[in-house]
């Protein structure tokens, strides 16, 4: 514990795509002038049939807007999309093999764009699969992560970027 007062703001909205983020959230993030930013977006683009190229195009705009905040190195973390193709409800959205490959393609685009801007890249994709079979790993809707999975993501993110987020 640092003993410092921290304000956590999460403007994320369930179901939003990169297009929604650009239209409804990016201005808010810019106005907020945060000290740290994490970005995990793309699953809903995939669900709605956007191509990796369309996703990349939107992501470039999002990452450029975040880069314009000019935060110090290590203060922006781009987070990979989890592998939700392994969830029981994935079949409702297409062939799980295709969903897995599309997720990998989206993540490759996000990783590349993050690297171009010197954002920290945190890959939680493997982590999203590691606890399969653990009670609560997948939420009751058989699609979204459960609390234990979110906790595992948080640990992965912290282990990758925590040192750059703690000010002396």
C-alpha atoms as a PDB file:
ATOM      1  CA  UNK A   1       0.000   0.000   0.000  1.00  0.00           C
ATOM      2  CA  UNK A   2       1.298   3.407  -0.951  1.00  0.00           C
ATOM      3  CA  UNK A   3      -1.032   5.439   1.243  1.00  0.00           C
ATOM      4  CA  UNK A   4      -1.857   7.610  -1.765  1.00  0.00           C
ATOM      5  CA  UNK A   5      -5.340   8.553  -2.830  1.00  0.00           C
ATOM      6  CA  UNK A   6      -6.126   7.037  -6.201  1.00  0.00           C
ATOM      7  CA  UNK A   7      -9.069   7.668  -8.485  1.00  0.00           C
ATOM      8  CA  UNK A   8     -10.001   4.762 -10.731  1.00  0.00           C
ATOM      9  CA  UNK A   9     -12.175   5.533 -13.737  1.00  0.00           C
ATOM     10  CA  UNK A  10     -13.384   2.784 -16.048  1.00  0.00           C
ATOM     11  CA  UNK A  11     -15.435   4.158 -18.956  1.00  0.00           C
ATOM     12  CA  UNK A  12     -15.760   0.707 -20.560  1.00  0.00           C
ATOM     13  CA  UNK A  13     -19.230  -0.398 -21.629  1.00  0.00           C
ATOM     14  CA  UNK A  14     -20.168  -4.025 -22.178  1.00  0.00           C
ATOM     15  CA  UNK A  15     -20.792  -4.627 -25.879  1.00  0.00           C
ATOM     16  CA  UNK A  16     -18.804  -1.648 -27.169  1.00  0.00           C
ATOM     17  CA  UNK A  17     -16.691  -1.970 -30.291  1.00  0.00           C
ATOM     18  CA  UNK A  18     -13.732   0.173 -31.284  1.00  0.00           C
ATOM     19  CA  UNK A  19     -16.196   2.316 -33.251  1.00  0.00           C
ATOM     20  CA  UNK A  20     -18.248   2.906 -30.076  1.00  0.00           C
ATOM     21  CA  UNK A  21     -15.106   3.705 -28.101  1.00  0.00           C
ATOM     22  CA  UNK A  22     -14.098   6.305 -30.678  1.00  0.00           C
ATOM     23  CA  UNK A  23     -17.572   7.850 -30.786  1.00  0.00           C
ATOM     24  CA  UNK A  24     -18.415   7.845 -27.078  1.00  0.00           C
ATOM     25  CA  UNK A  25     -15.355   7.343 -24.862  1.00  0.00           C
ATOM     26  CA  UNK A  26     -12.104   8.622 -26.349  1.00  0.00           C
ATOM     27  CA  UNK A  27     -12.987  12.288 -25.785  1.00  0.00           C
ATOM     28  CA  UNK A  28     -13.787  11.536 -22.149  1.00  0.00           C
ATOM     29  CA  UNK A  29     -10.457   9.790 -21.690  1.00  0.00           C
ATOM     30  CA  UNK A  30      -8.646  12.738 -23.240  1.00  0.00           C
ATOM     31  CA  UNK A  31     -10.507  15.231 -21.018  1.00  0.00           C
ATOM     32  CA  UNK A  32      -9.740  13.117 -17.942  1.00  0.00           C
ATOM     33  CA  UNK A  33      -5.962  13.521 -18.433  1.00  0.00           C
ATOM     34  CA  UNK A  34      -5.155  10.197 -16.722  1.00  0.00           C
ATOM     35  CA  UNK A  35      -1.800   9.192 -15.259  1.00  0.00           C
ATOM     36  CA  UNK A  36      -2.224   5.608 -16.486  1.00  0.00           C
ATOM     37  CA  UNK A  37      -4.222   4.041 -19.309  1.00  0.00           C
ATOM     38  CA  UNK A  38      -5.076   0.444 -20.095  1.00  0.00           C
ATOM     39  CA  UNK A  39      -6.760  -0.539 -23.349  1.00  0.00           C
ATOM     40  CA  UNK A  40      -8.496  -3.861 -23.941  1.00  0.00           C
ATOM     41  CA  UNK A  41     -10.897  -3.627 -26.874  1.00  0.00           C
ATOM     42  CA  UNK A  42     -11.807  -5.806 -29.806  1.00  0.00           C
ATOM     43  CA  UNK A  43     -13.867  -8.838 -28.861  1.00  0.00           C
ATOM     44  CA  UNK A  44     -17.095  -7.120 -29.875  1.00  0.00           C
ATOM     45  CA  UNK A  45     -15.562  -6.016 -33.179  1.00  0.00           C
ATOM     46  CA  UNK A  46     -14.825  -9.678 -33.827  1.00  0.00           C
ATOM     47  CA  UNK A  47     -18.323 -10.770 -32.748  1.00  0.00           C
ATOM     48  CA  UNK A  48     -19.883  -8.238 -35.115  1.00  0.00           C
ATOM     49  CA  UNK A  49     -17.869  -9.495 -38.065  1.00  0.00           C
ATOM     50  CA  UNK A  50     -15.392  -6.674 -38.505  1.00  0.00           C
ATOM     51  CA  UNK A  51     -12.269  -7.676 -40.378  1.00  0.00           C
ATOM     52  CA  UNK A  52      -8.804  -7.501 -38.835  1.00  0.00           C
ATOM     53  CA  UNK A  53      -8.080  -4.602 -41.219  1.00  0.00           C
ATOM     54  CA  UNK A  54     -11.160  -2.666 -40.036  1.00  0.00           C
ATOM     55  CA  UNK A  55     -10.201  -3.372 -36.430  1.00  0.00           C
ATOM     56  CA  UNK A  56      -6.642  -2.161 -37.057  1.00  0.00           C
ATOM     57  CA  UNK A  57      -7.956   1.036 -38.663  1.00  0.00           C
ATOM     58  CA  UNK A  58     -10.073   1.885 -35.606  1.00  0.00           C
ATOM     59  CA  UNK A  59      -7.325   0.823 -33.229  1.00  0.00           C
ATOM     60  CA  UNK A  60      -4.846   3.184 -34.917  1.00  0.00           C
ATOM     61  CA  UNK A  61      -7.185   6.074 -34.126  1.00  0.00           C
ATOM     62  CA  UNK A  62      -7.645   4.934 -30.523  1.00  0.00           C
ATOM     63  CA  UNK A  63      -3.938   4.382 -29.901  1.00  0.00           C
ATOM     64  CA  UNK A  64      -3.044   7.699 -31.576  1.00  0.00           C
ATOM     65  CA  UNK A  65      -5.516   9.528 -29.322  1.00  0.00           C
ATOM     66  CA  UNK A  66      -4.012   7.852 -26.259  1.00  0.00           C
ATOM     67  CA  UNK A  67      -0.463   8.557 -27.462  1.00  0.00           C
ATOM     68  CA  UNK A  68      -1.423  12.242 -27.743  1.00  0.00           C
ATOM     69  CA  UNK A  69      -1.755  12.268 -23.937  1.00  0.00           C
ATOM     70  CA  UNK A  70       2.054  12.012 -23.924  1.00  0.00           C
ATOM     71  CA  UNK A  71       2.234   9.834 -20.846  1.00  0.00           C
ATOM     72  CA  UNK A  72       5.675   8.663 -19.737  1.00  0.00           C
ATOM     73  CA  UNK A  73       6.936   5.297 -20.992  1.00  0.00           C
ATOM     74  CA  UNK A  74       5.259   2.393 -19.268  1.00  0.00           C
ATOM     75  CA  UNK A  75       2.125   4.339 -18.341  1.00  0.00           C
ATOM     76  CA  UNK A  76       0.001   2.953 -21.200  1.00  0.00           C
ATOM     77  CA  UNK A  77      -0.711  -0.760 -21.337  1.00  0.00           C
ATOM     78  CA  UNK A  78      -2.340  -2.379 -24.341  1.00  0.00           C
ATOM     79  CA  UNK A  79      -3.976  -5.631 -23.291  1.00  0.00           C
ATOM     80  CA  UNK A  80      -4.584  -8.573 -25.622  1.00  0.00           C
ATOM     81  CA  UNK A  81      -8.040  -9.954 -26.285  1.00  0.00           C
ATOM     82  CA  UNK A  82      -8.786 -13.074 -24.221  1.00  0.00           C
ATOM     83  CA  UNK A  83      -9.387 -16.359 -25.999  1.00  0.00           C
ATOM     84  CA  UNK A  84     -13.118 -16.638 -25.548  1.00  0.00           C
ATOM     85  CA  UNK A  85     -13.321 -19.314 -28.266  1.00  0.00           C
ATOM     86  CA  UNK A  86     -12.945 -21.846 -25.449  1.00  0.00           C
ATOM     87  CA  UNK A  87     -16.084 -20.736 -23.599  1.00  0.00           C
ATOM     88  CA  UNK A  88     -19.220 -22.889 -23.768  1.00  0.00           C
ATOM     89  CA  UNK A  89     -21.225 -20.095 -25.475  1.00  0.00           C
ATOM     90  CA  UNK A  90     -18.608 -19.437 -28.175  1.00  0.00           C
ATOM     91  CA  UNK A  91     -20.399 -21.714 -30.650  1.00  0.00           C
ATOM     92  CA  UNK A  92     -23.267 -19.209 -30.657  1.00  0.00           C
ATOM     93  CA  UNK A  93     -20.893 -16.821 -32.445  1.00  0.00           C
ATOM     94  CA  UNK A  94     -19.226 -19.160 -34.923  1.00  0.00           C
ATOM     95  CA  UNK A  95     -16.820 -22.027 -35.202  1.00  0.00           C
ATOM     96  CA  UNK A  96     -14.469 -21.929 -32.185  1.00  0.00           C
ATOM     97  CA  UNK A  97     -11.445 -22.641 -34.413  1.00  0.00           C
ATOM     98  CA  UNK A  98     -12.286 -19.618 -36.549  1.00  0.00           C
ATOM     99  CA  UNK A  99     -12.882 -17.478 -33.424  1.00  0.00           C
ATOM    100  CA  UNK A 100      -9.492 -18.544 -32.065  1.00  0.00           C
ATOM    101  CA  UNK A 101      -7.705 -17.657 -35.322  1.00  0.00           C
ATOM    102  CA  UNK A 102      -9.553 -14.344 -35.591  1.00  0.00           C
ATOM    103  CA  UNK A 103      -8.620 -13.516 -31.992  1.00  0.00           C
ATOM    104  CA  UNK A 104      -4.966 -14.219 -32.799  1.00  0.00           C
ATOM    105  CA  UNK A 105      -5.189 -11.967 -35.860  1.00  0.00           C
ATOM    106  CA  UNK A 106      -6.762  -9.121 -33.876  1.00  0.00           C
ATOM    107  CA  UNK A 107      -4.129  -9.521 -31.168  1.00  0.00           C
ATOM    108  CA  UNK A 108      -1.333  -9.399 -33.736  1.00  0.00           C
ATOM    109  CA  UNK A 109      -2.693  -6.084 -35.028  1.00  0.00           C
ATOM    110  CA  UNK A 110      -3.018  -4.675 -31.507  1.00  0.00           C
ATOM    111  CA  UNK A 111       0.470  -5.829 -30.496  1.00  0.00           C
ATOM    112  CA  UNK A 112       1.985  -4.290 -33.630  1.00  0.00           C
ATOM    113  CA  UNK A 113       0.233  -0.949 -33.113  1.00  0.00           C
ATOM    114  CA  UNK A 114       1.118  -0.888 -29.414  1.00  0.00           C
ATOM    115  CA  UNK A 115       4.770  -1.497 -30.278  1.00  0.00           C
ATOM    116  CA  UNK A 116       4.779   1.365 -32.787  1.00  0.00           C
ATOM    117  CA  UNK A 117       3.784   3.724 -29.969  1.00  0.00           C
ATOM    118  CA  UNK A 118       5.996   2.161 -27.276  1.00  0.00           C
ATOM    119  CA  UNK A 119       2.954   1.102 -25.245  1.00  0.00           C
ATOM    120  CA  UNK A 120       3.509  -1.817 -22.886  1.00  0.00           C
ATOM    121  CA  UNK A 121       2.003  -4.984 -24.339  1.00  0.00           C
ATOM    122  CA  UNK A 122       0.350  -7.380 -21.908  1.00  0.00           C
ATOM    123  CA  UNK A 123      -0.731 -10.707 -23.344  1.00  0.00           C
ATOM    124  CA  UNK A 124      -3.540 -12.194 -21.267  1.00  0.00           C
ATOM    125  CA  UNK A 125      -4.681 -14.586 -23.988  1.00  0.00           C
ATOM    126  CA  UNK A 126      -2.929 -17.649 -22.573  1.00  0.00           C
ATOM    127  CA  UNK A 127      -3.984 -16.594 -19.081  1.00  0.00           C
ATOM    128  CA  UNK A 128      -7.619 -16.614 -20.228  1.00  0.00           C
ATOM    129  CA  UNK A 129      -7.302 -20.347 -20.963  1.00  0.00           C
ATOM    130  CA  UNK A 130      -5.192 -21.411 -17.984  1.00  0.00           C
ATOM    131  CA  UNK A 131      -8.000 -21.785 -15.468  1.00  0.00           C
ATOM    132  CA  UNK A 132     -10.522 -23.572 -17.650  1.00  0.00           C
ATOM    133  CA  UNK A 133     -12.438 -25.990 -15.468  1.00  0.00           C
ATOM    134  CA  UNK A 134     -11.838 -23.875 -12.354  1.00  0.00           C
ATOM    135  CA  UNK A 135     -15.138 -23.017 -10.646  1.00  0.00           C
ATOM    136  CA  UNK A 136     -16.154 -19.476 -11.570  1.00  0.00           C
ATOM    137  CA  UNK A 137     -13.515 -19.100 -14.315  1.00  0.00           C
ATOM    138  CA  UNK A 138     -16.307 -18.464 -16.818  1.00  0.00           C
ATOM    139  CA  UNK A 139     -19.328 -16.457 -15.642  1.00  0.00           C
ATOM    140  CA  UNK A 140     -22.820 -17.928 -15.381  1.00  0.00           C
ATOM    141  CA  UNK A 141     -23.635 -16.764 -18.931  1.00  0.00           C
ATOM    142  CA  UNK A 142     -21.030 -19.273 -20.229  1.00  0.00           C
ATOM    143  CA  UNK A 143     -19.343 -16.496 -22.216  1.00  0.00           C
ATOM    144  CA  UNK A 144     -17.775 -13.760 -20.115  1.00  0.00           C
ATOM    145  CA  UNK A 145     -14.870 -14.160 -17.690  1.00  0.00           C
ATOM    146  CA  UNK A 146     -15.685 -14.849 -14.075  1.00  0.00           C
ATOM    147  CA  UNK A 147     -14.041 -13.171 -11.090  1.00  0.00           C
ATOM    148  CA  UNK A 148     -11.165 -15.701 -10.803  1.00  0.00           C
ATOM    149  CA  UNK A 149     -10.251 -15.073 -14.449  1.00  0.00           C
ATOM    150  CA  UNK A 150     -10.364 -11.307 -13.991  1.00  0.00           C
ATOM    151  CA  UNK A 151      -8.118 -11.701 -10.945  1.00  0.00           C
ATOM    152  CA  UNK A 152      -5.645 -13.750 -13.018  1.00  0.00           C
ATOM    153  CA  UNK A 153      -5.661 -11.018 -15.685  1.00  0.00           C
ATOM    154  CA  UNK A 154      -4.976  -8.386 -13.034  1.00  0.00           C
ATOM    155  CA  UNK A 155      -2.016 -10.395 -11.736  1.00  0.00           C
ATOM    156  CA  UNK A 156      -0.635 -10.773 -15.263  1.00  0.00           C
ATOM    157  CA  UNK A 157      -1.050  -7.056 -15.974  1.00  0.00           C
ATOM    158  CA  UNK A 158       0.513  -6.055 -12.655  1.00  0.00           C
ATOM    159  CA  UNK A 159       3.479  -8.396 -13.118  1.00  0.00           C
ATOM    160  CA  UNK A 160       4.155  -6.815 -16.517  1.00  0.00           C
ATOM    161  CA  UNK A 161       3.645  -3.108 -15.752  1.00  0.00           C
ATOM    162  CA  UNK A 162       3.376  -2.672 -11.996  1.00  0.00           C
ATOM    163  CA  UNK A 163       6.881  -1.302 -11.498  1.00  0.00           C
ATOM    164  CA  UNK A 164       6.290   1.514 -13.986  1.00  0.00           C
ATOM    165  CA  UNK A 165       2.961   2.359 -12.344  1.00  0.00           C
ATOM    166  CA  UNK A 166       4.329   2.861  -8.847  1.00  0.00           C
ATOM    167  CA  UNK A 167       5.794   6.276  -8.311  1.00  0.00           C
ATOM    168  CA  UNK A 168       8.648   6.616  -5.821  1.00  0.00           C
END
